[in-house]
Amino acid sequence: MADWEDELAELARRRGRALVGYAYVLCGEQRQAEDLVQDALVKVFARLRRPARTGAGVYPLDGDAPARRTPGSETNEAYVRRAILTLYLDEYRRRRRWRAVAHLAADDEHVRGPASGATARADVAAALGRLSPRQRACVVLRYYDDLTVPQVAAELDLAQGTVKRYLADAAATLRDLLAVPDDAPATTHGTDRRADR
């Protein structure tokens, strides 16, 4: 058995409960405290497992490796305690950052199904079919071709006020047909309220 394995076994046997207690004081949960101690032990003792370099970046073969001196058990315990604190703080910062942006992630209630795009397009096409030809032409030119109201008026040879009236009437009809709440932003449902542009 290597020296570091003896040190690790001795530290875990003698001071394991104290280390878990220290971690528990930090996090307040037994399982998380045990995980912190385990991760800290791996972090501290992993460096002792690596073979020493013999120069020029060459690692010796096991038989050729010089004996590595491991720090005393008090020093190792201090390293482990410091690693516990560092790991806990890293996790705390990660959780805090996640809480700051978690509301931006989609939740299951608002995630659309794979067929929702096709269904929405079919619903909009059916609702457009219920509009008068002039209303439908105004809506298509305004919202699908992204023309301004003056451009739509010029395209259809209508007055701008008439185009605005057709757009307003069409929006009300579409809202009723597609069951869009009055307070919902219209841009999420394929229309926007840019009729004055």
N, C-alpha and C. Protein backbone atom coordinates (compact mmCIF):
# COMPACT_ATOMS: atom_id res chain seq x y z
N MET A 1 0.84 -1.18 0.00
CA MET A 1 0.00 0.00 0.00
C MET A 1 0.89 1.24 0.00
N ALA A 2 0.53 2.24 -0.79
CA ALA A 2 1.31 3.46 -0.87
C ALA A 2 1.11 4.29 0.39
N ASP A 3 2.06 5.20 0.62
CA ASP A 3 1.97 6.06 1.81
C ASP A 3 0.70 6.88 1.81
N TRP A 4 0.31 7.40 0.65
CA TRP A 4 -0.88 8.24 0.60
C TRP A 4 -2.13 7.44 0.94
N GLU A 5 -2.16 6.14 0.58
CA GLU A 5 -3.31 5.31 0.91
C GLU A 5 -3.40 5.10 2.41
N ASP A 6 -2.25 4.92 3.05
CA ASP A 6 -2.24 4.79 4.51
C ASP A 6 -2.72 6.07 5.18
N GLU A 7 -2.22 7.20 4.67
CA GLU A 7 -2.64 8.50 5.21
C GLU A 7 -4.14 8.71 5.06
N LEU A 8 -4.65 8.37 3.89
CA LEU A 8 -6.07 8.54 3.63
C LEU A 8 -6.91 7.66 4.55
N ALA A 9 -6.53 6.40 4.67
CA ALA A 9 -7.27 5.48 5.53
C ALA A 9 -7.23 5.95 6.98
N GLU A 10 -6.06 6.40 7.42
CA GLU A 10 -5.92 6.87 8.81
C GLU A 10 -6.75 8.13 9.05
N LEU A 11 -6.70 9.06 8.12
CA LEU A 11 -7.47 10.30 8.27
C LEU A 11 -8.96 10.01 8.27
N ALA A 12 -9.42 9.15 7.38
CA ALA A 12 -10.84 8.81 7.33
C ALA A 12 -11.28 8.09 8.59
N ARG A 13 -10.42 7.23 9.13
CA ARG A 13 -10.77 6.48 10.34
C ARG A 13 -10.78 7.38 11.57
N ARG A 14 -9.73 8.18 11.73
CA ARG A 14 -9.60 9.00 12.94
C ARG A 14 -10.47 10.25 12.91
N ARG A 15 -10.49 10.94 11.77
CA ARG A 15 -11.11 12.27 11.73
C ARG A 15 -12.32 12.34 10.81
N GLY A 16 -12.78 11.22 10.29
CA GLY A 16 -13.91 11.21 9.36
C GLY A 16 -15.17 11.86 9.93
N ARG A 17 -15.51 11.50 11.17
CA ARG A 17 -16.73 12.07 11.78
C ARG A 17 -16.58 13.56 12.01
N ALA A 18 -15.40 13.99 12.41
CA ALA A 18 -15.18 15.43 12.63
C ALA A 18 -15.27 16.19 11.31
N LEU A 19 -14.75 15.62 10.23
CA LEU A 19 -14.83 16.27 8.93
C LEU A 19 -16.28 16.36 8.44
N VAL A 20 -17.03 15.27 8.64
CA VAL A 20 -18.45 15.30 8.26
C VAL A 20 -19.19 16.33 9.12
N GLY A 21 -18.86 16.41 10.39
CA GLY A 21 -19.47 17.42 11.25
C GLY A 21 -19.17 18.84 10.79
N TYR A 22 -17.93 19.06 10.37
CA TYR A 22 -17.54 20.38 9.85
C TYR A 22 -18.34 20.71 8.59
N ALA A 23 -18.45 19.73 7.70
CA ALA A 23 -19.21 19.94 6.47
C ALA A 23 -20.69 20.15 6.77
N TYR A 24 -21.21 19.44 7.78
CA TYR A 24 -22.62 19.58 8.15
C TYR A 24 -22.91 20.98 8.67
N VAL A 25 -21.97 21.54 9.43
CA VAL A 25 -22.14 22.91 9.93
C VAL A 25 -22.24 23.88 8.76
N LEU A 26 -21.50 23.62 7.69
CA LEU A 26 -21.54 24.49 6.52
C LEU A 26 -22.86 24.37 5.76
N CYS A 27 -23.27 23.13 5.46
CA CYS A 27 -24.39 22.94 4.54
C CYS A 27 -25.72 22.62 5.23
N GLY A 28 -25.68 22.05 6.43
CA GLY A 28 -26.91 21.76 7.15
C GLY A 28 -27.64 20.52 6.70
N GLU A 29 -27.01 19.65 5.93
CA GLU A 29 -27.65 18.43 5.45
C GLU A 29 -26.63 17.29 5.50
N GLN A 30 -27.01 16.19 6.12
CA GLN A 30 -26.09 15.08 6.36
C GLN A 30 -25.54 14.49 5.07
N ARG A 31 -26.41 14.21 4.12
CA ARG A 31 -25.95 13.60 2.87
C ARG A 31 -25.01 14.52 2.10
N GLN A 32 -25.37 15.79 2.03
CA GLN A 32 -24.51 16.74 1.33
C GLN A 32 -23.17 16.87 2.06
N ALA A 33 -23.20 16.81 3.39
CA ALA A 33 -21.95 16.89 4.16
C ALA A 33 -21.06 15.69 3.84
N GLU A 34 -21.63 14.51 3.78
CA GLU A 34 -20.85 13.32 3.45
C GLU A 34 -20.27 13.42 2.04
N ASP A 35 -21.07 13.92 1.11
CA ASP A 35 -20.58 14.10 -0.26
C ASP A 35 -19.44 15.11 -0.32
N LEU A 36 -19.57 16.20 0.44
CA LEU A 36 -18.51 17.20 0.48
C LEU A 36 -17.21 16.60 1.00
N VAL A 37 -17.29 15.82 2.06
CA VAL A 37 -16.08 15.20 2.62
C VAL A 37 -15.46 14.25 1.61
N GLN A 38 -16.29 13.44 0.97
CA GLN A 38 -15.76 12.49 -0.01
C GLN A 38 -15.08 13.23 -1.16
N ASP A 39 -15.74 14.26 -1.69
CA ASP A 39 -15.15 15.02 -2.79
C ASP A 39 -13.86 15.71 -2.37
N ALA A 40 -13.83 16.21 -1.14
CA ALA A 40 -12.62 16.88 -0.65
C ALA A 40 -11.48 15.89 -0.48
N LEU A 41 -11.77 14.70 0.03
CA LEU A 41 -10.73 13.68 0.18
C LEU A 41 -10.16 13.29 -1.19
N VAL A 42 -11.03 13.14 -2.16
CA VAL A 42 -10.56 12.80 -3.51
C VAL A 42 -9.70 13.93 -4.06
N LYS A 43 -10.15 15.15 -3.85
CA LYS A 43 -9.41 16.29 -4.38
C LYS A 43 -8.03 16.40 -3.76
N VAL A 44 -7.93 16.22 -2.45
CA VAL A 44 -6.65 16.37 -1.76
C VAL A 44 -5.72 15.20 -2.06
N PHE A 45 -6.24 13.98 -2.01
CA PHE A 45 -5.36 12.82 -2.14
C PHE A 45 -5.11 12.43 -3.59
N ALA A 46 -5.86 12.98 -4.54
CA ALA A 46 -5.61 12.66 -5.95
C ALA A 46 -4.24 13.17 -6.39
N ARG A 47 -3.81 14.29 -5.82
CA ARG A 47 -2.50 14.83 -6.20
C ARG A 47 -1.37 13.93 -5.71
N LEU A 48 -1.63 13.17 -4.64
CA LEU A 48 -0.58 12.27 -4.12
C LEU A 48 -0.49 10.98 -4.93
N ARG A 49 -1.54 10.66 -5.67
CA ARG A 49 -1.55 9.44 -6.48
C ARG A 49 -0.74 9.59 -7.74
N ARG A 50 -0.63 10.82 -8.24
CA ARG A 50 0.10 11.03 -9.49
C ARG A 50 1.58 10.79 -9.26
N PRO A 51 2.23 10.17 -10.22
CA PRO A 51 3.67 9.96 -10.07
C PRO A 51 4.41 11.29 -10.22
N ALA A 52 5.53 11.37 -9.58
CA ALA A 52 6.34 12.59 -9.66
C ALA A 52 7.06 12.63 -11.00
N ARG A 53 7.28 13.81 -11.52
CA ARG A 53 8.02 13.95 -12.77
C ARG A 53 9.50 13.80 -12.49
N THR A 54 10.20 13.21 -13.44
CA THR A 54 11.64 13.02 -13.27
C THR A 54 12.43 14.02 -14.10
N GLY A 55 11.77 15.03 -14.57
CA GLY A 55 12.44 16.02 -15.40
C GLY A 55 12.00 15.88 -16.84
N ALA A 56 11.96 16.96 -17.54
CA ALA A 56 11.58 17.02 -18.95
C ALA A 56 10.20 16.42 -19.18
N GLY A 57 9.34 16.45 -18.15
CA GLY A 57 7.97 15.99 -18.31
C GLY A 57 7.83 14.49 -18.39
N VAL A 58 8.86 13.71 -18.02
CA VAL A 58 8.80 12.26 -18.11
C VAL A 58 8.42 11.70 -16.75
N TYR A 59 7.41 10.82 -16.75
CA TYR A 59 7.01 10.17 -15.52
C TYR A 59 7.76 8.84 -15.39
N PRO A 60 8.28 8.51 -14.20
CA PRO A 60 9.03 7.25 -14.05
C PRO A 60 8.09 6.06 -14.02
N LEU A 61 8.66 4.90 -14.29
CA LEU A 61 7.91 3.66 -14.12
C LEU A 61 7.76 3.42 -12.62
N ASP A 62 6.77 2.59 -12.23
CA ASP A 62 6.49 2.41 -10.81
C ASP A 62 7.72 1.96 -10.02
N GLY A 63 8.50 1.05 -10.56
CA GLY A 63 9.67 0.58 -9.83
C GLY A 63 10.75 1.64 -9.70
N ASP A 64 10.79 2.58 -10.65
CA ASP A 64 11.81 3.62 -10.64
C ASP A 64 11.41 4.84 -9.84
N ALA A 65 10.13 4.93 -9.44
CA ALA A 65 9.64 6.15 -8.80
C ALA A 65 10.29 6.33 -7.44
N PRO A 66 10.79 7.53 -7.17
CA PRO A 66 11.32 7.78 -5.85
C PRO A 66 10.17 7.82 -4.84
N ALA A 67 10.47 7.51 -3.62
CA ALA A 67 9.44 7.53 -2.57
C ALA A 67 8.94 8.96 -2.41
N ARG A 68 7.61 9.13 -2.43
CA ARG A 68 7.05 10.46 -2.28
C ARG A 68 6.71 10.68 -0.82
N ARG A 69 7.05 11.83 -0.36
CA ARG A 69 6.80 12.16 1.03
C ARG A 69 5.41 12.76 1.12
N THR A 70 4.57 12.22 1.98
CA THR A 70 3.23 12.78 2.17
C THR A 70 3.26 13.68 3.39
N PRO A 71 2.51 14.76 3.35
CA PRO A 71 2.48 15.65 4.51
C PRO A 71 1.91 14.92 5.72
N GLY A 72 2.09 15.49 6.88
CA GLY A 72 1.56 14.88 8.10
C GLY A 72 0.05 14.88 8.10
N SER A 73 -0.55 14.08 9.01
CA SER A 73 -2.00 13.94 9.03
C SER A 73 -2.69 15.25 9.40
N GLU A 74 -2.04 16.08 10.26
CA GLU A 74 -2.63 17.38 10.60
C GLU A 74 -2.69 18.28 9.37
N THR A 75 -1.64 18.25 8.58
CA THR A 75 -1.60 19.06 7.36
C THR A 75 -2.65 18.57 6.37
N ASN A 76 -2.76 17.24 6.22
CA ASN A 76 -3.76 16.68 5.32
C ASN A 76 -5.17 17.05 5.77
N GLU A 77 -5.42 17.01 7.07
CA GLU A 77 -6.75 17.38 7.56
C GLU A 77 -7.03 18.85 7.26
N ALA A 78 -6.04 19.70 7.42
CA ALA A 78 -6.23 21.11 7.11
C ALA A 78 -6.53 21.29 5.62
N TYR A 79 -5.82 20.54 4.76
CA TYR A 79 -6.09 20.60 3.33
C TYR A 79 -7.52 20.14 3.03
N VAL A 80 -7.93 19.07 3.67
CA VAL A 80 -9.27 18.53 3.44
C VAL A 80 -10.33 19.52 3.91
N ARG A 81 -10.12 20.13 5.08
CA ARG A 81 -11.08 21.14 5.56
C ARG A 81 -11.18 22.31 4.59
N ARG A 82 -10.04 22.73 4.09
CA ARG A 82 -10.04 23.84 3.14
C ARG A 82 -10.74 23.43 1.84
N ALA A 83 -10.53 22.19 1.42
CA ALA A 83 -11.19 21.70 0.21
C ALA A 83 -12.71 21.61 0.43
N ILE A 84 -13.13 21.19 1.62
CA ILE A 84 -14.56 21.14 1.94
C ILE A 84 -15.17 22.53 1.81
N LEU A 85 -14.52 23.51 2.40
CA LEU A 85 -15.02 24.88 2.33
C LEU A 85 -15.07 25.38 0.89
N THR A 86 -14.02 25.12 0.13
CA THR A 86 -13.98 25.57 -1.26
C THR A 86 -15.08 24.91 -2.08
N LEU A 87 -15.25 23.61 -1.92
CA LEU A 87 -16.29 22.89 -2.66
C LEU A 87 -17.68 23.39 -2.29
N TYR A 88 -17.90 23.64 -0.99
CA TYR A 88 -19.20 24.16 -0.56
C TYR A 88 -19.47 25.54 -1.16
N LEU A 89 -18.47 26.42 -1.11
CA LEU A 89 -18.66 27.77 -1.65
C LEU A 89 -18.88 27.74 -3.16
N ASP A 90 -18.16 26.86 -3.86
CA ASP A 90 -18.36 26.73 -5.30
C ASP A 90 -19.80 26.30 -5.61
N GLU A 91 -20.30 25.32 -4.87
CA GLU A 91 -21.66 24.84 -5.08
C GLU A 91 -22.68 25.93 -4.74
N TYR A 92 -22.43 26.67 -3.66
CA TYR A 92 -23.32 27.77 -3.27
C TYR A 92 -23.38 28.82 -4.38
N ARG A 93 -22.23 29.19 -4.90
CA ARG A 93 -22.20 30.19 -5.98
C ARG A 93 -22.91 29.67 -7.23
N ARG A 94 -22.73 28.40 -7.55
CA ARG A 94 -23.39 27.81 -8.71
C ARG A 94 -24.91 27.85 -8.54
N ARG A 95 -25.40 27.49 -7.33
CA ARG A 95 -26.84 27.53 -7.07
C ARG A 95 -27.37 28.95 -7.13
N ARG A 96 -26.61 29.91 -6.59
CA ARG A 96 -27.04 31.30 -6.61
C ARG A 96 -27.12 31.83 -8.03
N ARG A 97 -26.13 31.50 -8.86
CA ARG A 97 -26.17 31.92 -10.26
C ARG A 97 -27.36 31.28 -10.98
N TRP A 98 -27.62 29.99 -10.67
CA TRP A 98 -28.74 29.31 -11.31
C TRP A 98 -30.07 29.95 -10.91
N ARG A 99 -30.23 30.30 -9.62
CA ARG A 99 -31.47 30.94 -9.19
C ARG A 99 -31.69 32.26 -9.90
N ALA A 100 -30.61 32.94 -10.25
CA ALA A 100 -30.73 34.23 -10.92
C ALA A 100 -31.24 34.07 -12.36
N VAL A 101 -30.98 32.91 -12.98
CA VAL A 101 -31.40 32.72 -14.37
C VAL A 101 -32.41 31.59 -14.53
N ALA A 102 -32.81 30.93 -13.47
CA ALA A 102 -33.71 29.78 -13.58
C ALA A 102 -35.04 30.16 -14.21
N HIS A 103 -35.50 31.36 -13.93
CA HIS A 103 -36.79 31.77 -14.50
C HIS A 103 -36.72 31.91 -16.02
N LEU A 104 -35.53 31.98 -16.58
CA LEU A 104 -35.38 32.08 -18.03
C LEU A 104 -35.50 30.73 -18.72
N ALA A 105 -35.31 29.66 -17.97
CA ALA A 105 -35.41 28.32 -18.54
C ALA A 105 -36.88 27.97 -18.74
N ALA A 106 -37.17 27.27 -19.80
CA ALA A 106 -38.55 26.87 -20.08
C ALA A 106 -38.97 25.78 -19.10
N ASP A 107 -40.18 25.90 -18.59
CA ASP A 107 -40.69 24.82 -17.75
C ASP A 107 -41.70 24.02 -18.56
N ASP A 108 -42.08 22.87 -18.04
CA ASP A 108 -42.93 21.94 -18.78
C ASP A 108 -44.28 22.54 -19.16
N GLU A 109 -44.81 23.45 -18.33
CA GLU A 109 -46.12 24.02 -18.62
C GLU A 109 -46.10 24.85 -19.90
N HIS A 110 -44.97 25.50 -20.18
CA HIS A 110 -44.91 26.42 -21.30
C HIS A 110 -44.17 25.87 -22.51
N VAL A 111 -43.71 24.64 -22.43
CA VAL A 111 -43.01 24.04 -23.56
C VAL A 111 -44.05 23.51 -24.54
N ARG A 112 -43.91 23.93 -25.78
CA ARG A 112 -44.86 23.49 -26.78
C ARG A 112 -44.50 22.10 -27.27
N GLY A 113 -45.49 21.33 -27.59
CA GLY A 113 -45.28 20.00 -28.10
C GLY A 113 -44.78 20.03 -29.54
N PRO A 114 -44.34 18.89 -30.06
CA PRO A 114 -43.78 18.87 -31.40
C PRO A 114 -44.81 19.23 -32.48
N ALA A 115 -46.08 18.96 -32.25
CA ALA A 115 -47.11 19.24 -33.25
C ALA A 115 -47.72 20.63 -33.09
N SER A 116 -47.30 21.36 -32.05
CA SER A 116 -47.96 22.63 -31.78
C SER A 116 -47.73 23.65 -32.87
N GLY A 117 -46.56 23.65 -33.52
CA GLY A 117 -46.30 24.60 -34.60
C GLY A 117 -47.22 24.35 -35.78
N ALA A 118 -47.37 23.09 -36.17
CA ALA A 118 -48.25 22.77 -37.29
C ALA A 118 -49.70 23.06 -36.94
N THR A 119 -50.08 22.76 -35.71
CA THR A 119 -51.44 23.03 -35.27
C THR A 119 -51.72 24.52 -35.25
N ALA A 120 -50.77 25.29 -34.74
CA ALA A 120 -50.94 26.75 -34.70
C ALA A 120 -51.06 27.31 -36.11
N ARG A 121 -50.23 26.84 -37.03
CA ARG A 121 -50.31 27.33 -38.41
C ARG A 121 -51.65 26.98 -39.04
N ALA A 122 -52.13 25.76 -38.77
CA ALA A 122 -53.43 25.36 -39.30
C ALA A 122 -54.55 26.22 -38.71
N ASP A 123 -54.46 26.52 -37.42
CA ASP A 123 -55.47 27.36 -36.77
C ASP A 123 -55.47 28.76 -37.36
N VAL A 124 -54.27 29.32 -37.57
CA VAL A 124 -54.17 30.67 -38.13
C VAL A 124 -54.69 30.68 -39.57
N ALA A 125 -54.34 29.65 -40.34
CA ALA A 125 -54.82 29.60 -41.73
C ALA A 125 -56.34 29.51 -41.77
N ALA A 126 -56.93 28.70 -40.88
CA ALA A 126 -58.39 28.59 -40.83
C ALA A 126 -59.03 29.90 -40.41
N ALA A 127 -58.41 30.58 -39.44
CA ALA A 127 -58.95 31.86 -38.97
C ALA A 127 -58.83 32.92 -40.07
N LEU A 128 -57.73 32.93 -40.81
CA LEU A 128 -57.58 33.88 -41.91
C LEU A 128 -58.64 33.64 -42.98
N GLY A 129 -59.03 32.40 -43.17
CA GLY A 129 -60.08 32.07 -44.14
C GLY A 129 -61.43 32.63 -43.75
N ARG A 130 -61.61 32.96 -42.48
CA ARG A 130 -62.88 33.51 -42.00
C ARG A 130 -62.95 35.03 -42.17
N LEU A 131 -61.84 35.66 -42.53
CA LEU A 131 -61.82 37.11 -42.72
C LEU A 131 -62.34 37.46 -44.11
N SER A 132 -62.76 38.71 -44.26
CA SER A 132 -63.14 39.18 -45.59
C SER A 132 -61.88 39.26 -46.45
N PRO A 133 -62.01 39.24 -47.76
CA PRO A 133 -60.82 39.28 -48.63
C PRO A 133 -59.95 40.51 -48.39
N ARG A 134 -60.54 41.67 -48.16
CA ARG A 134 -59.75 42.88 -47.92
C ARG A 134 -59.02 42.80 -46.58
N GLN A 135 -59.71 42.32 -45.55
CA GLN A 135 -59.06 42.18 -44.24
C GLN A 135 -57.89 41.19 -44.34
N ARG A 136 -58.15 40.06 -44.99
CA ARG A 136 -57.10 39.05 -45.13
C ARG A 136 -55.92 39.62 -45.90
N ALA A 137 -56.17 40.37 -46.97
CA ALA A 137 -55.07 40.96 -47.75
C ALA A 137 -54.28 41.94 -46.89
N CYS A 138 -54.97 42.75 -46.10
CA CYS A 138 -54.27 43.71 -45.23
C CYS A 138 -53.41 42.99 -44.20
N VAL A 139 -53.97 41.95 -43.57
CA VAL A 139 -53.23 41.21 -42.54
C VAL A 139 -52.00 40.52 -43.15
N VAL A 140 -52.17 39.88 -44.29
CA VAL A 140 -51.05 39.17 -44.91
C VAL A 140 -49.95 40.14 -45.31
N LEU A 141 -50.34 41.26 -45.93
CA LEU A 141 -49.31 42.22 -46.34
C LEU A 141 -48.64 42.86 -45.13
N ARG A 142 -49.42 43.14 -44.10
CA ARG A 142 -48.86 43.84 -42.93
C ARG A 142 -47.99 42.93 -42.08
N TYR A 143 -48.49 41.73 -41.76
CA TYR A 143 -47.80 40.90 -40.77
C TYR A 143 -46.95 39.78 -41.37
N TYR A 144 -47.27 39.32 -42.56
CA TYR A 144 -46.47 38.27 -43.17
C TYR A 144 -45.41 38.85 -44.11
N ASP A 145 -45.80 39.87 -44.87
CA ASP A 145 -44.83 40.51 -45.75
C ASP A 145 -44.12 41.66 -45.06
N ASP A 146 -44.57 42.01 -43.86
CA ASP A 146 -43.96 43.04 -43.01
C ASP A 146 -43.90 44.40 -43.70
N LEU A 147 -44.98 44.77 -44.37
CA LEU A 147 -45.08 46.09 -44.98
C LEU A 147 -45.63 47.08 -43.96
N THR A 148 -45.29 48.33 -44.11
CA THR A 148 -45.86 49.36 -43.25
C THR A 148 -47.28 49.67 -43.72
N VAL A 149 -48.04 50.38 -42.88
CA VAL A 149 -49.41 50.74 -43.25
C VAL A 149 -49.43 51.56 -44.54
N PRO A 150 -48.56 52.57 -44.71
CA PRO A 150 -48.58 53.30 -46.00
C PRO A 150 -48.26 52.39 -47.19
N GLN A 151 -47.37 51.43 -47.01
CA GLN A 151 -47.04 50.51 -48.11
C GLN A 151 -48.23 49.61 -48.44
N VAL A 152 -48.94 49.13 -47.39
CA VAL A 152 -50.13 48.30 -47.61
C VAL A 152 -51.19 49.12 -48.35
N ALA A 153 -51.37 50.36 -47.90
CA ALA A 153 -52.37 51.23 -48.54
C ALA A 153 -52.03 51.45 -50.01
N ALA A 154 -50.75 51.67 -50.30
CA ALA A 154 -50.34 51.87 -51.69
C ALA A 154 -50.52 50.59 -52.50
N GLU A 155 -50.21 49.46 -51.91
CA GLU A 155 -50.32 48.17 -52.60
C GLU A 155 -51.77 47.85 -52.96
N LEU A 156 -52.70 48.15 -52.04
CA LEU A 156 -54.11 47.82 -52.26
C LEU A 156 -54.92 49.00 -52.81
N ASP A 157 -54.24 50.12 -52.99
CA ASP A 157 -54.90 51.34 -53.49
C ASP A 157 -56.06 51.74 -52.56
N LEU A 158 -55.74 51.80 -51.25
CA LEU A 158 -56.71 52.20 -50.23
C LEU A 158 -56.13 53.36 -49.43
N ALA A 159 -56.99 54.04 -48.69
CA ALA A 159 -56.53 55.08 -47.78
C ALA A 159 -55.90 54.42 -46.55
N GLN A 160 -54.95 55.10 -45.91
CA GLN A 160 -54.29 54.54 -44.74
C GLN A 160 -55.28 54.28 -43.62
N GLY A 161 -56.23 55.17 -43.44
CA GLY A 161 -57.26 54.99 -42.40
C GLY A 161 -58.08 53.74 -42.65
N THR A 162 -58.37 53.45 -43.90
CA THR A 162 -59.12 52.24 -44.25
C THR A 162 -58.31 50.99 -43.92
N VAL A 163 -57.02 51.04 -44.23
CA VAL A 163 -56.14 49.89 -43.92
C VAL A 163 -56.10 49.67 -42.42
N LYS A 164 -55.98 50.76 -41.65
CA LYS A 164 -55.95 50.63 -40.19
C LYS A 164 -57.26 50.03 -39.67
N ARG A 165 -58.39 50.44 -40.26
CA ARG A 165 -59.67 49.89 -39.83
C ARG A 165 -59.75 48.41 -40.15
N TYR A 166 -59.32 48.01 -41.36
CA TYR A 166 -59.32 46.59 -41.72
C TYR A 166 -58.43 45.79 -40.77
N LEU A 167 -57.27 46.34 -40.46
CA LEU A 167 -56.35 45.64 -39.55
C LEU A 167 -56.95 45.50 -38.16
N ALA A 168 -57.57 46.55 -37.66
CA ALA A 168 -58.18 46.49 -36.32
C ALA A 168 -59.33 45.50 -36.29
N ASP A 169 -60.18 45.54 -37.32
CA ASP A 169 -61.30 44.59 -37.37
C ASP A 169 -60.80 43.15 -37.50
N ALA A 170 -59.78 42.95 -38.32
CA ALA A 170 -59.22 41.61 -38.50
C ALA A 170 -58.58 41.12 -37.20
N ALA A 171 -57.88 42.00 -36.49
CA ALA A 171 -57.25 41.60 -35.22
C ALA A 171 -58.30 41.18 -34.21
N ALA A 172 -59.42 41.91 -34.15
CA ALA A 172 -60.50 41.55 -33.21
C ALA A 172 -61.10 40.20 -33.59
N THR A 173 -61.32 40.00 -34.88
CA THR A 173 -61.89 38.72 -35.33
C THR A 173 -60.92 37.57 -35.05
N LEU A 174 -59.65 37.77 -35.35
CA LEU A 174 -58.66 36.72 -35.10
C LEU A 174 -58.52 36.42 -33.62
N ARG A 175 -58.57 37.45 -32.80
CA ARG A 175 -58.48 37.27 -31.35
C ARG A 175 -59.63 36.39 -30.87
N ASP A 176 -60.82 36.63 -31.38
CA ASP A 176 -61.98 35.82 -30.99
C ASP A 176 -61.85 34.39 -31.51
N LEU A 177 -61.43 34.26 -32.76
CA LEU A 177 -61.34 32.93 -33.37
C LEU A 177 -60.22 32.09 -32.76
N LEU A 178 -59.12 32.73 -32.40
CA LEU A 178 -57.97 32.00 -31.87
C LEU A 178 -57.93 31.98 -30.35
N ALA A 179 -58.93 32.58 -29.71
CA ALA A 179 -59.04 32.63 -28.24
C ALA A 179 -57.81 33.22 -27.61
N VAL A 180 -57.36 34.36 -28.10
CA VAL A 180 -56.21 35.06 -27.56
C VAL A 180 -56.69 35.98 -26.46
N PRO A 181 -56.12 35.89 -25.23
CA PRO A 181 -56.53 36.79 -24.17
C PRO A 181 -56.22 38.24 -24.54
N ASP A 182 -57.07 39.16 -24.08
CA ASP A 182 -56.89 40.57 -24.42
C ASP A 182 -55.58 41.14 -23.90
N ASP A 183 -55.10 40.63 -22.75
CA ASP A 183 -53.88 41.19 -22.16
C ASP A 183 -52.62 40.51 -22.66
N ALA A 184 -52.75 39.50 -23.55
CA ALA A 184 -51.57 38.80 -24.06
C ALA A 184 -50.88 39.67 -25.09
N PRO A 185 -49.52 39.65 -25.10
CA PRO A 185 -48.82 40.40 -26.14
C PRO A 185 -49.12 39.77 -27.49
N ALA A 186 -49.50 40.57 -28.42
CA ALA A 186 -49.95 40.06 -29.71
C ALA A 186 -48.82 39.43 -30.51
N THR A 187 -47.57 39.80 -30.25
CA THR A 187 -46.46 39.26 -31.04
C THR A 187 -46.28 37.77 -30.83
N THR A 188 -46.76 37.20 -29.72
CA THR A 188 -46.60 35.76 -29.50
C THR A 188 -47.61 34.96 -30.29
N HIS A 189 -48.59 35.62 -30.90
CA HIS A 189 -49.64 34.90 -31.62
C HIS A 189 -49.67 35.24 -33.09
N GLY A 190 -48.55 35.76 -33.61
CA GLY A 190 -48.45 35.98 -35.02
C GLY A 190 -48.89 37.37 -35.48
N THR A 191 -49.37 38.20 -34.58
CA THR A 191 -49.74 39.55 -34.93
C THR A 191 -49.07 40.49 -33.96
N ASP A 192 -48.88 41.70 -34.35
CA ASP A 192 -48.43 42.69 -33.40
C ASP A 192 -49.22 43.96 -33.62
N ARG A 193 -49.16 44.86 -32.69
CA ARG A 193 -50.00 46.05 -32.74
C ARG A 193 -49.21 47.21 -33.31
N ARG A 194 -48.66 47.01 -34.53
CA ARG A 194 -47.90 48.07 -35.17
C ARG A 194 -48.72 48.73 -36.27
N ALA A 195 -50.01 48.79 -36.12
CA ALA A 195 -50.88 49.24 -37.20
C ALA A 195 -50.66 50.70 -37.54
N ASP A 196 -50.05 51.45 -36.63
CA ASP A 196 -49.87 52.87 -36.91
C ASP A 196 -48.58 53.15 -37.66
N ARG A 197 -47.80 52.15 -37.95
CA ARG A 197 -46.52 52.35 -38.62
C ARG A 197 -46.69 52.53 -40.09
